[in-house]
């Protein structure tokens, strides 16, 4: 078990940042996984991506199809370890606080209570 845990810790540290490009607004489960693991992400501001990434708080958002801005921000994230650490830590904390099972159950109960 200890070897498995060490492997995942190493793997999380090995991923410095992630580029999230999508043209659809579906619920991006992989994006949620990355943010929960503390991986800072540059993403396009479409659909639910805007809900999960708060610009310069839990990641970096760029306008859709703005390839130069996307590349510039990804390079910035890869070159700035302090920024990566801050965004990654805030993303992990936000996911743990707002998207845990207890909080999601509360949201479902609230939705049914308003009907």
PDB file of N, CA and C in Angstrom:
ATOM      1  N   UNK A   1       0.822  -1.192   0.000  1.00  0.00           N
ATOM      2  CA  UNK A   1       0.000   0.000   0.000  1.00  0.00           C
ATOM      3  C   UNK A   1       0.866   1.257   0.000  1.00  0.00           C
ATOM      4  N   UNK A   2       1.925   1.267   0.782  1.00  0.00           N
ATOM      5  CA  UNK A   2       2.788   2.450   0.853  1.00  0.00           C
ATOM      6  C   UNK A   2       3.416   2.747  -0.500  1.00  0.00           C
ATOM      7  N   UNK A   3       3.805   1.708  -1.225  1.00  0.00           N
ATOM      8  CA  UNK A   3       4.393   1.931  -2.544  1.00  0.00           C
ATOM      9  C   UNK A   3       3.391   2.576  -3.484  1.00  0.00           C
ATOM     10  N   UNK A   4       2.161   2.137  -3.422  1.00  0.00           N
ATOM     11  CA  UNK A   4       1.126   2.718  -4.283  1.00  0.00           C
ATOM     12  C   UNK A   4       0.937   4.199  -3.957  1.00  0.00           C
ATOM     13  N   UNK A   5       0.851   4.540  -2.680  1.00  0.00           N
ATOM     14  CA  UNK A   5       0.689   5.939  -2.291  1.00  0.00           C
ATOM     15  C   UNK A   5       1.870   6.787  -2.736  1.00  0.00           C
ATOM     16  N   UNK A   6       3.070   6.271  -2.593  1.00  0.00           N
ATOM     17  CA  UNK A   6       4.249   7.015  -3.040  1.00  0.00           C
ATOM     18  C   UNK A   6       4.217   7.241  -4.541  1.00  0.00           C
ATOM     19  N   UNK A   7       3.748   6.258  -5.285  1.00  0.00           N
ATOM     20  CA  UNK A   7       3.655   6.410  -6.730  1.00  0.00           C
ATOM     21  C   UNK A   7       2.736   7.565  -7.089  1.00  0.00           C
ATOM     22  N   UNK A   8       1.562   7.629  -6.458  1.00  0.00           N
ATOM     23  CA  UNK A   8       0.614   8.694  -6.797  1.00  0.00           C
ATOM     24  C   UNK A   8       1.126  10.056  -6.374  1.00  0.00           C
ATOM     25  N   UNK A   9       1.820  10.132  -5.248  1.00  0.00           N
ATOM     26  CA  UNK A   9       2.417  11.410  -4.840  1.00  0.00           C
ATOM     27  C   UNK A   9       3.439  11.855  -5.882  1.00  0.00           C
ATOM     28  N   UNK A  10       4.270  10.935  -6.337  1.00  0.00           N
ATOM     29  CA  UNK A  10       5.262  11.273  -7.361  1.00  0.00           C
ATOM     30  C   UNK A  10       4.570  11.728  -8.635  1.00  0.00           C
ATOM     31  N   UNK A  11       3.537  11.026  -9.008  1.00  0.00           N
ATOM     32  CA  UNK A  11       2.838  11.344 -10.247  1.00  0.00           C
ATOM     33  C   UNK A  11       2.197  12.726 -10.198  1.00  0.00           C
ATOM     34  N   UNK A  12       1.595  13.087  -9.066  1.00  0.00           N
ATOM     35  CA  UNK A  12       1.001  14.418  -8.933  1.00  0.00           C
ATOM     36  C   UNK A  12       2.072  15.494  -9.043  1.00  0.00           C
ATOM     37  N   UNK A  13       3.231  15.249  -8.438  1.00  0.00           N
ATOM     38  CA  UNK A  13       4.310  16.240  -8.518  1.00  0.00           C
ATOM     39  C   UNK A  13       4.873  16.329  -9.930  1.00  0.00           C
ATOM     40  N   UNK A  14       4.804  15.252 -10.693  1.00  0.00           N
ATOM     41  CA  UNK A  14       5.371  15.232 -12.039  1.00  0.00           C
ATOM     42  C   UNK A  14       4.551  16.058 -13.017  1.00  0.00           C
ATOM     43  N   UNK A  15       3.279  16.267 -12.721  1.00  0.00           N
ATOM     44  CA  UNK A  15       2.414  17.046 -13.604  1.00  0.00           C
ATOM     45  C   UNK A  15       2.468  18.489 -13.142  1.00  0.00           C
ATOM     46  N   UNK A  16       3.166  19.336 -13.914  1.00  0.00           N
ATOM     47  CA  UNK A  16       3.323  20.728 -13.515  1.00  0.00           C
ATOM     48  C   UNK A  16       2.100  21.569 -13.790  1.00  0.00           C
ATOM     49  N   UNK A  17       1.426  21.288 -14.884  1.00  0.00           N
ATOM     50  CA  UNK A  17       0.249  22.065 -15.283  1.00  0.00           C
ATOM     51  C   UNK A  17      -0.496  21.262 -16.338  1.00  0.00           C
ATOM     52  N   UNK A  18      -1.714  21.704 -16.632  1.00  0.00           N
ATOM     53  CA  UNK A  18      -2.502  21.025 -17.646  1.00  0.00           C
ATOM     54  C   UNK A  18      -3.168  22.045 -18.549  1.00  0.00           C
ATOM     55  N   UNK A  19      -3.236  21.722 -19.820  1.00  0.00           N
ATOM     56  CA  UNK A  19      -3.919  22.569 -20.806  1.00  0.00           C
ATOM     57  C   UNK A  19      -5.287  21.959 -21.072  1.00  0.00           C
ATOM     58  N   UNK A  20      -6.354  22.727 -20.832  1.00  0.00           N
ATOM     59  CA  UNK A  20      -7.713  22.215 -21.004  1.00  0.00           C
ATOM     60  C   UNK A  20      -8.409  22.984 -22.109  1.00  0.00           C
ATOM     61  N   UNK A  21      -8.437  22.395 -23.308  1.00  0.00           N
ATOM     62  CA  UNK A  21      -9.095  23.040 -24.446  1.00  0.00           C
ATOM     63  C   UNK A  21     -10.313  22.231 -24.823  1.00  0.00           C
ATOM     64  N   UNK A  22     -11.430  22.906 -24.900  1.00  0.00           N
ATOM     65  CA  UNK A  22     -12.669  22.249 -25.293  1.00  0.00           C
ATOM     66  C   UNK A  22     -13.594  23.277 -25.913  1.00  0.00           C
ATOM     67  N   UNK A  23     -14.423  22.843 -26.804  1.00  0.00           N
ATOM     68  CA  UNK A  23     -15.386  23.747 -27.441  1.00  0.00           C
ATOM     69  C   UNK A  23     -16.807  23.500 -26.933  1.00  0.00           C
ATOM     70  N   UNK A  24     -16.951  22.511 -26.063  1.00  0.00           N
ATOM     71  CA  UNK A  24     -18.281  22.164 -25.572  1.00  0.00           C
ATOM     72  C   UNK A  24     -18.392  22.495 -24.091  1.00  0.00           C
ATOM     73  N   UNK A  25     -19.607  22.662 -23.623  1.00  0.00           N
ATOM     74  CA  UNK A  25     -19.824  23.056 -22.248  1.00  0.00           C
ATOM     75  C   UNK A  25     -20.224  21.922 -21.326  1.00  0.00           C
ATOM     76  N   UNK A  26     -19.878  20.699 -21.684  1.00  0.00           N
ATOM     77  CA  UNK A  26     -20.242  19.551 -20.858  1.00  0.00           C
ATOM     78  C   UNK A  26     -19.487  19.577 -19.535  1.00  0.00           C
ATOM     79  N   UNK A  27     -19.968  18.779 -18.591  1.00  0.00           N
ATOM     80  CA  UNK A  27     -19.293  18.655 -17.302  1.00  0.00           C
ATOM     81  C   UNK A  27     -17.973  17.905 -17.502  1.00  0.00           C
ATOM     82  N   UNK A  28     -16.868  18.578 -17.326  1.00  0.00           N
ATOM     83  CA  UNK A  28     -15.562  17.974 -17.590  1.00  0.00           C
ATOM     84  C   UNK A  28     -15.015  17.229 -16.369  1.00  0.00           C
ATOM     85  N   UNK A  29     -15.331  15.945 -16.247  1.00  0.00           N
ATOM     86  CA  UNK A  29     -14.926  15.167 -15.081  1.00  0.00           C
ATOM     87  C   UNK A  29     -13.405  15.143 -14.930  1.00  0.00           C
ATOM     88  N   UNK A  30     -12.683  14.998 -16.012  1.00  0.00           N
ATOM     89  CA  UNK A  30     -11.219  14.976 -15.929  1.00  0.00           C
ATOM     90  C   UNK A  30     -10.695  16.298 -15.374  1.00  0.00           C
ATOM     91  N   UNK A  31     -11.309  17.400 -15.752  1.00  0.00           N
ATOM     92  CA  UNK A  31     -10.911  18.704 -15.218  1.00  0.00           C
ATOM     93  C   UNK A  31     -11.096  18.738 -13.704  1.00  0.00           C
ATOM     94  N   UNK A  32     -12.212  18.231 -13.230  1.00  0.00           N
ATOM     95  CA  UNK A  32     -12.472  18.183 -11.790  1.00  0.00           C
ATOM     96  C   UNK A  32     -11.401  17.348 -11.096  1.00  0.00           C
ATOM     97  N   UNK A  33     -11.039  16.216 -11.683  1.00  0.00           N
ATOM     98  CA  UNK A  33      -9.993  15.361 -11.113  1.00  0.00           C
ATOM     99  C   UNK A  33      -8.662  16.097 -11.022  1.00  0.00           C
ATOM    100  N   UNK A  34      -8.301  16.805 -12.090  1.00  0.00           N
ATOM    101  CA  UNK A  34      -7.039  17.547 -12.092  1.00  0.00           C
ATOM    102  C   UNK A  34      -7.023  18.620 -11.009  1.00  0.00           C
ATOM    103  N   UNK A  35      -8.091  19.395 -10.927  1.00  0.00           N
ATOM    104  CA  UNK A  35      -8.160  20.462  -9.932  1.00  0.00           C
ATOM    105  C   UNK A  35      -8.135  19.888  -8.516  1.00  0.00           C
ATOM    106  N   UNK A  36      -8.866  18.804  -8.290  1.00  0.00           N
ATOM    107  CA  UNK A  36      -8.897  18.176  -6.968  1.00  0.00           C
ATOM    108  C   UNK A  36      -7.522  17.650  -6.567  1.00  0.00           C
ATOM    109  N   UNK A  37      -6.731  17.243  -7.549  1.00  0.00           N
ATOM    110  CA  UNK A  37      -5.377  16.757  -7.282  1.00  0.00           C
ATOM    111  C   UNK A  37      -4.375  17.890  -7.125  1.00  0.00           C
ATOM    112  N   UNK A  38      -4.837  19.134  -7.277  1.00  0.00           N
ATOM    113  CA  UNK A  38      -3.944  20.275  -7.114  1.00  0.00           C
ATOM    114  C   UNK A  38      -3.113  20.592  -8.335  1.00  0.00           C
ATOM    115  N   UNK A  39      -3.569  20.139  -9.499  1.00  0.00           N
ATOM    116  CA  UNK A  39      -2.859  20.431 -10.748  1.00  0.00           C
ATOM    117  C   UNK A  39      -3.413  21.739 -11.312  1.00  0.00           C
ATOM    118  N   UNK A  40      -2.579  22.758 -11.449  1.00  0.00           N
ATOM    119  CA  UNK A  40      -3.065  24.018 -12.014  1.00  0.00           C
ATOM    120  C   UNK A  40      -3.385  23.855 -13.498  1.00  0.00           C
ATOM    121  N   UNK A  41      -4.454  24.522 -13.936  1.00  0.00           N
ATOM    122  CA  UNK A  41      -4.965  24.329 -15.288  1.00  0.00           C
ATOM    123  C   UNK A  41      -5.172  25.661 -15.991  1.00  0.00           C
ATOM    124  N   UNK A  42      -4.814  25.701 -17.276  1.00  0.00           N
ATOM    125  CA  UNK A  42      -5.214  26.787 -18.166  1.00  0.00           C
ATOM    126  C   UNK A  42      -6.370  26.231 -18.980  1.00  0.00           C
ATOM    127  N   UNK A  43      -7.513  26.902 -18.946  1.00  0.00           N
ATOM    128  CA  UNK A  43      -8.687  26.397 -19.644  1.00  0.00           C
ATOM    129  C   UNK A  43      -9.413  27.476 -20.408  1.00  0.00           C
ATOM    130  N   UNK A  44     -10.186  27.047 -21.394  1.00  0.00           N
ATOM    131  CA  UNK A  44     -11.008  27.981 -22.158  1.00  0.00           C
ATOM    132  C   UNK A  44     -12.304  28.255 -21.402  1.00  0.00           C
ATOM    133  N   UNK A  45     -12.730  29.491 -21.397  1.00  0.00           N
ATOM    134  CA  UNK A  45     -13.911  29.930 -20.646  1.00  0.00           C
ATOM    135  C   UNK A  45     -15.188  29.547 -21.384  1.00  0.00           C
ATOM    136  N   UNK A  46     -15.538  28.272 -21.319  1.00  0.00           N
ATOM    137  CA  UNK A  46     -16.766  27.771 -21.938  1.00  0.00           C
ATOM    138  C   UNK A  46     -17.504  26.905 -20.928  1.00  0.00           C
ATOM    139  N   UNK A  47     -18.817  26.885 -21.036  1.00  0.00           N
ATOM    140  CA  UNK A  47     -19.647  25.985 -20.249  1.00  0.00           C
ATOM    141  C   UNK A  47     -19.285  25.917 -18.782  1.00  0.00           C
ATOM    142  N   UNK A  48     -19.279  24.701 -18.254  1.00  0.00           N
ATOM    143  CA  UNK A  48     -19.013  24.502 -16.836  1.00  0.00           C
ATOM    144  C   UNK A  48     -17.555  24.705 -16.459  1.00  0.00           C
ATOM    145  N   UNK A  49     -16.687  24.803 -17.429  1.00  0.00           N
ATOM    146  CA  UNK A  49     -15.287  25.095 -17.120  1.00  0.00           C
ATOM    147  C   UNK A  49     -15.215  26.394 -16.325  1.00  0.00           C
ATOM    148  N   UNK A  50     -16.079  27.351 -16.668  1.00  0.00           N
ATOM    149  CA  UNK A  50     -16.105  28.638 -15.957  1.00  0.00           C
ATOM    150  C   UNK A  50     -16.532  28.480 -14.507  1.00  0.00           C
ATOM    151  N   UNK A  51     -17.281  27.441 -14.211  1.00  0.00           N
ATOM    152  CA  UNK A  51     -17.697  27.199 -12.825  1.00  0.00           C
ATOM    153  C   UNK A  51     -16.536  26.655 -11.998  1.00  0.00           C
ATOM    154  N   UNK A  52     -15.746  25.784 -12.582  1.00  0.00           N
ATOM    155  CA  UNK A  52     -14.685  25.110 -11.845  1.00  0.00           C
ATOM    156  C   UNK A  52     -13.392  25.912 -11.778  1.00  0.00           C
ATOM    157  N   UNK A  53     -13.100  26.671 -12.812  1.00  0.00           N
ATOM    158  CA  UNK A  53     -11.883  27.488 -12.806  1.00  0.00           C
ATOM    159  C   UNK A  53     -12.273  28.937 -12.588  1.00  0.00           C
ATOM    160  N   UNK A  54     -11.876  29.483 -11.446  1.00  0.00           N
ATOM    161  CA  UNK A  54     -12.036  30.915 -11.212  1.00  0.00           C
ATOM    162  C   UNK A  54     -10.707  31.552 -11.606  1.00  0.00           C
ATOM    163  N   UNK A  55     -10.759  32.460 -12.562  1.00  0.00           N
ATOM    164  CA  UNK A  55      -9.550  33.015 -13.155  1.00  0.00           C
ATOM    165  C   UNK A  55      -8.610  33.597 -12.102  1.00  0.00           C
ATOM    166  N   UNK A  56      -7.370  33.155 -12.168  1.00  0.00           N
ATOM    167  CA  UNK A  56      -6.287  33.576 -11.273  1.00  0.00           C
ATOM    168  C   UNK A  56      -6.534  33.227  -9.811  1.00  0.00           C
ATOM    169  N   UNK A  57      -7.483  32.341  -9.564  1.00  0.00           N
ATOM    170  CA  UNK A  57      -7.707  31.837  -8.209  1.00  0.00           C
ATOM    171  C   UNK A  57      -7.500  30.327  -8.164  1.00  0.00           C
ATOM    172  N   UNK A  58      -8.213  29.597  -9.023  1.00  0.00           N
ATOM    173  CA  UNK A  58      -8.075  28.139  -9.065  1.00  0.00           C
ATOM    174  C   UNK A  58      -7.499  27.661 -10.389  1.00  0.00           C
ATOM    175  N   UNK A  59      -7.149  28.569 -11.249  1.00  0.00           N
ATOM    176  CA  UNK A  59      -6.589  28.262 -12.560  1.00  0.00           C
ATOM    177  C   UNK A  59      -6.577  29.528 -13.394  1.00  0.00           C
ATOM    178  N   UNK A  60      -6.333  29.365 -14.668  1.00  0.00           N
ATOM    179  CA  UNK A  60      -6.312  30.508 -15.583  1.00  0.00           C
ATOM    180  C   UNK A  60      -7.313  30.245 -16.696  1.00  0.00           C
ATOM    181  N   UNK A  61      -8.200  31.203 -16.916  1.00  0.00           N
ATOM    182  CA  UNK A  61      -9.181  31.119 -17.998  1.00  0.00           C
ATOM    183  C   UNK A  61      -8.783  32.039 -19.138  1.00  0.00           C
ATOM    184  N   UNK A  62      -8.971  31.556 -20.358  1.00  0.00           N
ATOM    185  CA  UNK A  62      -8.774  32.388 -21.545  1.00  0.00           C
ATOM    186  C   UNK A  62     -10.027  32.279 -22.409  1.00  0.00           C
ATOM    187  N   UNK A  63     -10.221  33.254 -23.244  1.00  0.00           N
ATOM    188  CA  UNK A  63     -11.371  33.242 -24.148  1.00  0.00           C
ATOM    189  C   UNK A  63     -11.252  32.064 -25.120  1.00  0.00           C
ATOM    190  N   UNK A  64     -12.375  31.487 -25.516  1.00  0.00           N
ATOM    191  CA  UNK A  64     -12.340  30.385 -26.477  1.00  0.00           C
ATOM    192  C   UNK A  64     -11.637  30.792 -27.771  1.00  0.00           C
ATOM    193  N   UNK A  65     -10.872  29.873 -28.289  1.00  0.00           N
ATOM    194  CA  UNK A  65     -10.156  30.028 -29.568  1.00  0.00           C
ATOM    195  C   UNK A  65      -9.081  31.104 -29.555  1.00  0.00           C
ATOM    196  N   UNK A  66      -8.721  31.599 -28.392  1.00  0.00           N
ATOM    197  CA  UNK A  66      -7.651  32.602 -28.278  1.00  0.00           C
ATOM    198  C   UNK A  66      -6.332  31.852 -28.098  1.00  0.00           C
ATOM    199  N   UNK A  67      -5.852  31.274 -29.183  1.00  0.00           N
ATOM    200  CA  UNK A  67      -4.693  30.383 -29.124  1.00  0.00           C
ATOM    201  C   UNK A  67      -3.442  31.055 -28.574  1.00  0.00           C
ATOM    202  N   UNK A  68      -3.185  32.292 -28.973  1.00  0.00           N
ATOM    203  CA  UNK A  68      -1.986  32.978 -28.478  1.00  0.00           C
ATOM    204  C   UNK A  68      -2.071  33.222 -26.979  1.00  0.00           C
ATOM    205  N   UNK A  69      -3.222  33.663 -26.499  1.00  0.00           N
ATOM    206  CA  UNK A  69      -3.402  33.890 -25.061  1.00  0.00           C
ATOM    207  C   UNK A  69      -3.306  32.570 -24.301  1.00  0.00           C
ATOM    208  N   UNK A  70      -3.855  31.519 -24.882  1.00  0.00           N
ATOM    209  CA  UNK A  70      -3.796  30.207 -24.254  1.00  0.00           C
ATOM    210  C   UNK A  70      -2.337  29.772 -24.101  1.00  0.00           C
ATOM    211  N   UNK A  71      -1.582  29.852 -25.187  1.00  0.00           N
ATOM    212  CA  UNK A  71      -0.174  29.452 -25.160  1.00  0.00           C
ATOM    213  C   UNK A  71       0.628  30.326 -24.202  1.00  0.00           C
ATOM    214  N   UNK A  72       0.404  31.620 -24.232  1.00  0.00           N
ATOM    215  CA  UNK A  72       1.130  32.557 -23.364  1.00  0.00           C
ATOM    216  C   UNK A  72       0.885  32.222 -21.884  1.00  0.00           C
ATOM    217  N   UNK A  73      -0.363  31.946 -21.542  1.00  0.00           N
ATOM    218  CA  UNK A  73      -0.687  31.630 -20.150  1.00  0.00           C
ATOM    219  C   UNK A  73      -0.185  30.259 -19.730  1.00  0.00           C
ATOM    220  N   UNK A  74      -0.172  29.312 -20.634  1.00  0.00           N
ATOM    221  CA  UNK A  74       0.381  28.001 -20.314  1.00  0.00           C
ATOM    222  C   UNK A  74       1.885  28.108 -20.069  1.00  0.00           C
ATOM    223  N   UNK A  75       2.572  28.865 -20.904  1.00  0.00           N
ATOM    224  CA  UNK A  75       4.010  29.086 -20.704  1.00  0.00           C
ATOM    225  C   UNK A  75       4.256  29.783 -19.369  1.00  0.00           C
ATOM    226  N   UNK A  76       3.451  30.801 -19.068  1.00  0.00           N
ATOM    227  CA  UNK A  76       3.568  31.501 -17.788  1.00  0.00           C
ATOM    228  C   UNK A  76       3.430  30.520 -16.631  1.00  0.00           C
ATOM    229  N   UNK A  77       2.437  29.674 -16.698  1.00  0.00           N
ATOM    230  CA  UNK A  77       2.195  28.710 -15.635  1.00  0.00           C
ATOM    231  C   UNK A  77       3.351  27.721 -15.501  1.00  0.00           C
ATOM    232  N   UNK A  78       3.883  27.275 -16.613  1.00  0.00           N
ATOM    233  CA  UNK A  78       5.000  26.331 -16.577  1.00  0.00           C
ATOM    234  C   UNK A  78       6.278  26.967 -16.051  1.00  0.00           C
ATOM    235  N   UNK A  79       6.454  28.259 -16.276  1.00  0.00           N
ATOM    236  CA  UNK A  79       7.678  28.939 -15.850  1.00  0.00           C
ATOM    237  C   UNK A  79       7.616  29.486 -14.427  1.00  0.00           C
ATOM    238  N   UNK A  80       6.434  29.643 -13.867  1.00  0.00           N
ATOM    239  CA  UNK A  80       6.278  30.285 -12.559  1.00  0.00           C
ATOM    240  C   UNK A  80       5.836  29.263 -11.508  1.00  0.00           C
ATOM    241  N   UNK A  81       6.808  28.717 -10.789  1.00  0.00           N
ATOM    242  CA  UNK A  81       6.515  27.691  -9.787  1.00  0.00           C
ATOM    243  C   UNK A  81       5.643  28.224  -8.655  1.00  0.00           C
ATOM    244  N   UNK A  82       5.827  29.476  -8.289  1.00  0.00           N
ATOM    245  CA  UNK A  82       5.021  30.069  -7.218  1.00  0.00           C
ATOM    246  C   UNK A  82       3.560  30.158  -7.637  1.00  0.00           C
ATOM    247  N   UNK A  83       3.324  30.589  -8.864  1.00  0.00           N
ATOM    248  CA  UNK A  83       1.959  30.674  -9.387  1.00  0.00           C
ATOM    249  C   UNK A  83       1.327  29.287  -9.463  1.00  0.00           C
ATOM    250  N   UNK A  84       2.086  28.307  -9.958  1.00  0.00           N
ATOM    251  CA  UNK A  84       1.577  26.931 -10.029  1.00  0.00           C
ATOM    252  C   UNK A  84       1.180  26.431  -8.649  1.00  0.00           C
ATOM    253  N   UNK A  85       2.037  26.668  -7.670  1.00  0.00           N
ATOM    254  CA  UNK A  85       1.760  26.193  -6.310  1.00  0.00           C
ATOM    255  C   UNK A  85       0.516  26.867  -5.738  1.00  0.00           C
ATOM    256  N   UNK A  86       0.396  28.175  -5.936  1.00  0.00           N
ATOM    257  CA  UNK A  86      -0.753  28.912  -5.399  1.00  0.00           C
ATOM    258  C   UNK A  86      -2.055  28.456  -6.047  1.00  0.00           C
ATOM    259  N   UNK A  87      -2.072  28.403  -7.386  1.00  0.00           N
ATOM    260  CA  UNK A  87      -3.289  27.990  -8.091  1.00  0.00           C
ATOM    261  C   UNK A  87      -3.648  26.541  -7.777  1.00  0.00           C
ATOM    262  N   UNK A  88      -2.642  25.680  -7.733  1.00  0.00           N
ATOM    263  CA  UNK A  88      -2.888  24.270  -7.436  1.00  0.00           C
ATOM    264  C   UNK A  88      -3.452  24.062  -6.039  1.00  0.00           C
ATOM    265  N   UNK A  89      -2.878  24.750  -5.058  1.00  0.00           N
ATOM    266  CA  UNK A  89      -3.359  24.619  -3.679  1.00  0.00           C
ATOM    267  C   UNK A  89      -4.779  25.156  -3.544  1.00  0.00           C
ATOM    268  N   UNK A  90      -5.039  26.297  -4.163  1.00  0.00           N
ATOM    269  CA  UNK A  90      -6.380  26.881  -4.085  1.00  0.00           C
ATOM    270  C   UNK A  90      -7.404  26.005  -4.816  1.00  0.00           C
ATOM    271  N   UNK A  91      -7.008  25.431  -5.947  1.00  0.00           N
ATOM    272  CA  UNK A  91      -7.915  24.542  -6.682  1.00  0.00           C
ATOM    273  C   UNK A  91      -8.268  23.322  -5.841  1.00  0.00           C
ATOM    274  N   UNK A  92      -7.258  22.702  -5.235  1.00  0.00           N
ATOM    275  CA  UNK A  92      -7.509  21.517  -4.406  1.00  0.00           C
ATOM    276  C   UNK A  92      -8.404  21.860  -3.220  1.00  0.00           C
ATOM    277  N   UNK A  93      -8.146  22.990  -2.578  1.00  0.00           N
ATOM    278  CA  UNK A  93      -8.958  23.401  -1.426  1.00  0.00           C
ATOM    279  C   UNK A  93     -10.403  23.686  -1.840  1.00  0.00           C
ATOM    280  N   UNK A  94     -10.572  24.351  -2.969  1.00  0.00           N
ATOM    281  CA  UNK A  94     -11.918  24.670  -3.455  1.00  0.00           C
ATOM    282  C   UNK A  94     -12.687  23.405  -3.809  1.00  0.00           C
ATOM    283  N   UNK A  95     -12.042  22.481  -4.490  1.00  0.00           N
ATOM    284  CA  UNK A  95     -12.711  21.226  -4.848  1.00  0.00           C
ATOM    285  C   UNK A  95     -13.092  20.445  -3.592  1.00  0.00           C
ATOM    286  N   UNK A  96     -12.190  20.386  -2.605  1.00  0.00           N
ATOM    287  CA  UNK A  96     -12.476  19.652  -1.369  1.00  0.00           C
ATOM    288  C   UNK A  96     -13.631  20.293  -0.601  1.00  0.00           C
ATOM    289  N   UNK A  97     -13.699  21.615  -0.625  1.00  0.00           N
ATOM    290  CA  UNK A  97     -14.736  22.329   0.126  1.00  0.00           C
ATOM    291  C   UNK A  97     -16.087  22.314  -0.593  1.00  0.00           C
ATOM    292  N   UNK A  98     -16.088  22.592  -1.888  1.00  0.00           N
ATOM    293  CA  UNK A  98     -17.342  22.827  -2.615  1.00  0.00           C
ATOM    294  C   UNK A  98     -17.875  21.635  -3.393  1.00  0.00           C
ATOM    295  N   UNK A  99     -17.047  20.638  -3.647  1.00  0.00           N
ATOM    296  CA  UNK A  99     -17.478  19.533  -4.501  1.00  0.00           C
ATOM    297  C   UNK A  99     -17.299  18.176  -3.833  1.00  0.00           C
ATOM    298  N   UNK A 100     -17.400  18.134  -2.510  1.00  0.00           N
ATOM    299  CA  UNK A 100     -17.362  16.853  -1.808  1.00  0.00           C
ATOM    300  C   UNK A 100     -18.774  16.263  -1.800  1.00  0.00           C
ATOM    301  N   UNK A 101     -18.890  14.990  -1.429  1.00  0.00           N
ATOM    302  CA  UNK A 101     -20.190  14.319  -1.506  1.00  0.00           C
ATOM    303  C   UNK A 101     -21.231  14.972  -0.603  1.00  0.00           C
ATOM    304  N   UNK A 102     -20.828  15.413   0.581  1.00  0.00           N
ATOM    305  CA  UNK A 102     -21.791  16.044   1.494  1.00  0.00           C
ATOM    306  C   UNK A 102     -22.342  17.334   0.889  1.00  0.00           C
ATOM    307  N   UNK A 103     -21.468  18.139   0.304  1.00  0.00           N
ATOM    308  CA  UNK A 103     -21.906  19.405  -0.301  1.00  0.00           C
ATOM    309  C   UNK A 103     -22.786  19.144  -1.520  1.00  0.00           C
ATOM    310  N   UNK A 104     -22.431  18.164  -2.326  1.00  0.00           N
ATOM    311  CA  UNK A 104     -23.251  17.838  -3.494  1.00  0.00           C
ATOM    312  C   UNK A 104     -24.634  17.344  -3.072  1.00  0.00           C
ATOM    313  N   UNK A 105     -24.704  16.562  -1.994  1.00  0.00           N
ATOM    314  CA  UNK A 105     -26.002  16.101  -1.491  1.00  0.00           C
ATOM    315  C   UNK A 105     -26.843  17.287  -1.018  1.00  0.00           C
ATOM    316  N   UNK A 106     -26.203  18.264  -0.361  1.00  0.00           N
ATOM    317  CA  UNK A 106     -26.918  19.475   0.061  1.00  0.00           C
ATOM    318  C   UNK A 106     -27.514  20.205  -1.140  1.00  0.00           C
ATOM    319  N   UNK A 107     -26.748  20.297  -2.207  1.00  0.00           N
ATOM    320  CA  UNK A 107     -27.238  20.983  -3.409  1.00  0.00           C
ATOM    321  C   UNK A 107     -28.449  20.276  -4.008  1.00  0.00           C
ATOM    322  N   UNK A 108     -28.411  18.952  -4.020  1.00  0.00           N
ATOM    323  CA  UNK A 108     -29.550  18.192  -4.546  1.00  0.00           C
ATOM    324  C   UNK A 108     -30.772  18.421  -3.662  1.00  0.00           C
ATOM    325  N   UNK A 109     -30.576  18.368  -2.346  1.00  0.00           N
ATOM    326  CA  UNK A 109     -31.690  18.608  -1.419  1.00  0.00           C
ATOM    327  C   UNK A 109     -32.257  20.016  -1.602  1.00  0.00           C
ATOM    328  N   UNK A 110     -31.387  21.006  -1.774  1.00  0.00           N
ATOM    329  CA  UNK A 110     -31.838  22.384  -1.995  1.00  0.00           C
ATOM    330  C   UNK A 110     -32.648  22.497  -3.279  1.00  0.00           C
ATOM    331  N   UNK A 111     -32.201  21.808  -4.312  1.00  0.00           N
ATOM    332  CA  UNK A 111     -32.911  21.857  -5.592  1.00  0.00           C
ATOM    333  C   UNK A 111     -34.316  21.268  -5.456  1.00  0.00           C
ATOM    334  N   UNK A 112     -34.440  20.140  -4.749  1.00  0.00           N
ATOM    335  CA  UNK A 112     -35.760  19.534  -4.562  1.00  0.00           C
ATOM    336  C   UNK A 112     -36.637  20.366  -3.635  1.00  0.00           C
ATOM    337  N   UNK A 113     -36.045  21.041  -2.671  1.00  0.00           N
ATOM    338  CA  UNK A 113     -36.811  21.851  -1.716  1.00  0.00           C
ATOM    339  C   UNK A 113     -37.433  23.074  -2.380  1.00  0.00           C
ATOM    340  N   UNK A 114     -36.842  23.545  -3.465  1.00  0.00           N
ATOM    341  CA  UNK A 114     -37.358  24.738  -4.141  1.00  0.00           C
ATOM    342  C   UNK A 114     -38.481  24.420  -5.114  1.00  0.00           C
ATOM    343  N   UNK A 115     -38.774  23.170  -5.328  1.00  0.00           N
ATOM    344  CA  UNK A 115     -39.834  22.783  -6.280  1.00  0.00           C
ATOM    345  C   UNK A 115     -41.181  22.849  -5.674  1.00  0.00           C
TER     346      UNK A 115
END
